[in-house]
Amino acid sequence: MKNQNDQTSEGLNQIFEIINAKGDEGELNEIVNHSDKETSQTEQPQKNK
């Protein structure tokens, strides 16, 4: 499990990647798809109480 500092750092890196993409749809889609993959891998199912 990643700690909060690692998650914050990855989020900031993603923001800079988006800014640097400068509207390039292909690059923006790649950033989003990469983020979706990481999110689905790190999410853990929550138990119902």
N, C-alpha and C. Protein backbone atom coordinates (compact mmCIF):
# COMPACT_ATOMS: atom_id res chain seq x y z
N MET A 1 0.85 -1.18 0.00
CA MET A 1 0.00 0.00 0.00
C MET A 1 0.89 1.24 0.00
N LYS A 2 0.53 2.18 -0.82
CA LYS A 2 1.32 3.40 -0.91
C LYS A 2 0.95 4.34 0.23
N ASN A 3 1.97 5.06 0.71
CA ASN A 3 1.65 6.02 1.75
C ASN A 3 1.14 7.32 1.12
N GLN A 4 0.65 8.19 1.96
CA GLN A 4 0.00 9.43 1.47
C GLN A 4 0.97 10.32 0.71
N ASN A 5 2.23 10.38 1.13
CA ASN A 5 3.21 11.21 0.43
C ASN A 5 3.46 10.71 -0.99
N ASP A 6 3.52 9.38 -1.16
CA ASP A 6 3.71 8.82 -2.50
C ASP A 6 2.52 9.14 -3.39
N GLN A 7 1.31 9.03 -2.84
CA GLN A 7 0.11 9.32 -3.62
C GLN A 7 0.05 10.80 -4.01
N THR A 8 0.44 11.68 -3.10
CA THR A 8 0.47 13.11 -3.39
C THR A 8 1.48 13.41 -4.47
N SER A 9 2.66 12.80 -4.38
CA SER A 9 3.70 13.01 -5.38
C SER A 9 3.24 12.54 -6.76
N GLU A 10 2.60 11.38 -6.81
CA GLU A 10 2.11 10.87 -8.10
C GLU A 10 1.02 11.78 -8.67
N GLY A 11 0.17 12.32 -7.80
CA GLY A 11 -0.87 13.23 -8.26
C GLY A 11 -0.29 14.51 -8.83
N LEU A 12 0.73 15.04 -8.18
CA LEU A 12 1.38 16.25 -8.68
C LEU A 12 2.10 15.99 -9.99
N ASN A 13 2.74 14.83 -10.11
CA ASN A 13 3.40 14.48 -11.36
C ASN A 13 2.38 14.40 -12.49
N GLN A 14 1.21 13.85 -12.21
CA GLN A 14 0.17 13.75 -13.23
C GLN A 14 -0.30 15.13 -13.66
N ILE A 15 -0.43 16.04 -12.72
CA ILE A 15 -0.84 17.42 -13.06
C ILE A 15 0.18 18.05 -14.00
N PHE A 16 1.47 17.87 -13.71
CA PHE A 16 2.51 18.44 -14.59
C PHE A 16 2.49 17.79 -15.97
N GLU A 17 2.23 16.48 -16.02
CA GLU A 17 2.13 15.81 -17.32
C GLU A 17 0.99 16.39 -18.13
N ILE A 18 -0.14 16.66 -17.49
CA ILE A 18 -1.30 17.23 -18.18
C ILE A 18 -0.98 18.62 -18.70
N ILE A 19 -0.33 19.43 -17.87
CA ILE A 19 0.04 20.78 -18.29
C ILE A 19 1.00 20.71 -19.47
N ASN A 20 1.96 19.81 -19.42
CA ASN A 20 2.95 19.70 -20.49
C ASN A 20 2.37 19.11 -21.78
N ALA A 21 1.25 18.41 -21.68
CA ALA A 21 0.62 17.82 -22.87
C ALA A 21 0.10 18.92 -23.80
N LYS A 22 -0.23 20.08 -23.28
CA LYS A 22 -0.65 21.25 -24.06
C LYS A 22 -1.75 20.91 -25.07
N GLY A 23 -2.75 20.15 -24.63
CA GLY A 23 -3.90 19.88 -25.48
C GLY A 23 -3.74 18.74 -26.45
N ASP A 24 -2.65 18.02 -26.41
CA ASP A 24 -2.45 16.87 -27.30
C ASP A 24 -3.37 15.74 -26.83
N GLU A 25 -4.44 15.49 -27.59
CA GLU A 25 -5.45 14.51 -27.16
C GLU A 25 -4.86 13.13 -26.93
N GLY A 26 -3.98 12.69 -27.79
CA GLY A 26 -3.37 11.38 -27.62
C GLY A 26 -2.61 11.26 -26.32
N GLU A 27 -1.83 12.28 -26.02
CA GLU A 27 -1.04 12.25 -24.79
C GLU A 27 -1.95 12.36 -23.57
N LEU A 28 -2.98 13.19 -23.64
CA LEU A 28 -3.92 13.31 -22.53
C LEU A 28 -4.65 11.99 -22.27
N ASN A 29 -5.07 11.31 -23.34
CA ASN A 29 -5.73 10.01 -23.18
C ASN A 29 -4.79 9.00 -22.54
N GLU A 30 -3.54 9.04 -22.93
CA GLU A 30 -2.54 8.12 -22.36
C GLU A 30 -2.37 8.37 -20.86
N ILE A 31 -2.33 9.64 -20.46
CA ILE A 31 -2.20 10.00 -19.05
C ILE A 31 -3.40 9.48 -18.26
N VAL A 32 -4.59 9.71 -18.80
CA VAL A 32 -5.82 9.27 -18.11
C VAL A 32 -5.87 7.75 -18.01
N ASN A 33 -5.56 7.06 -19.10
CA ASN A 33 -5.58 5.60 -19.09
C ASN A 33 -4.56 5.03 -18.11
N HIS A 34 -3.39 5.63 -18.05
CA HIS A 34 -2.35 5.19 -17.10
C HIS A 34 -2.84 5.39 -15.67
N SER A 35 -3.48 6.52 -15.42
CA SER A 35 -4.02 6.82 -14.09
C SER A 35 -5.11 5.83 -13.71
N ASP A 36 -5.99 5.51 -14.67
CA ASP A 36 -7.06 4.55 -14.41
C ASP A 36 -6.51 3.18 -14.05
N LYS A 37 -5.45 2.75 -14.72
CA LYS A 37 -4.84 1.45 -14.43
C LYS A 37 -4.28 1.44 -13.02
N GLU A 38 -3.57 2.51 -12.64
CA GLU A 38 -2.98 2.58 -11.31
C GLU A 38 -4.05 2.62 -10.24
N THR A 39 -5.13 3.35 -10.49
CA THR A 39 -6.21 3.47 -9.52
C THR A 39 -6.87 2.12 -9.31
N SER A 40 -7.13 1.39 -10.37
CA SER A 40 -7.79 0.09 -10.24
C SER A 40 -6.89 -0.93 -9.55
N GLN A 41 -5.58 -0.78 -9.67
CA GLN A 41 -4.66 -1.70 -9.03
C GLN A 41 -4.51 -1.40 -7.55
N THR A 42 -4.66 -0.13 -7.14
CA THR A 42 -4.44 0.23 -5.75
C THR A 42 -5.71 0.24 -4.92
N GLU A 43 -6.87 0.23 -5.59
CA GLU A 43 -8.13 0.25 -4.85
C GLU A 43 -8.34 -1.11 -4.20
N GLN A 44 -8.82 -1.05 -2.97
CA GLN A 44 -9.15 -2.26 -2.27
C GLN A 44 -10.64 -2.27 -1.99
N PRO A 45 -11.29 -3.39 -2.18
CA PRO A 45 -12.73 -3.44 -1.92
C PRO A 45 -13.01 -3.15 -0.47
N GLN A 46 -14.07 -2.35 -0.26
CA GLN A 46 -14.46 -2.02 1.10
C GLN A 46 -15.47 -3.04 1.60
N LYS A 47 -15.32 -3.42 2.83
CA LYS A 47 -16.24 -4.37 3.43
C LYS A 47 -17.47 -3.65 3.93
N ASN A 48 -18.62 -4.23 3.68
CA ASN A 48 -19.86 -3.65 4.18
C ASN A 48 -19.99 -3.98 5.66
N LYS A 49 -20.44 -2.98 6.40
CA LYS A 49 -20.60 -3.19 7.86
C LYS A 49 -22.03 -3.43 8.19
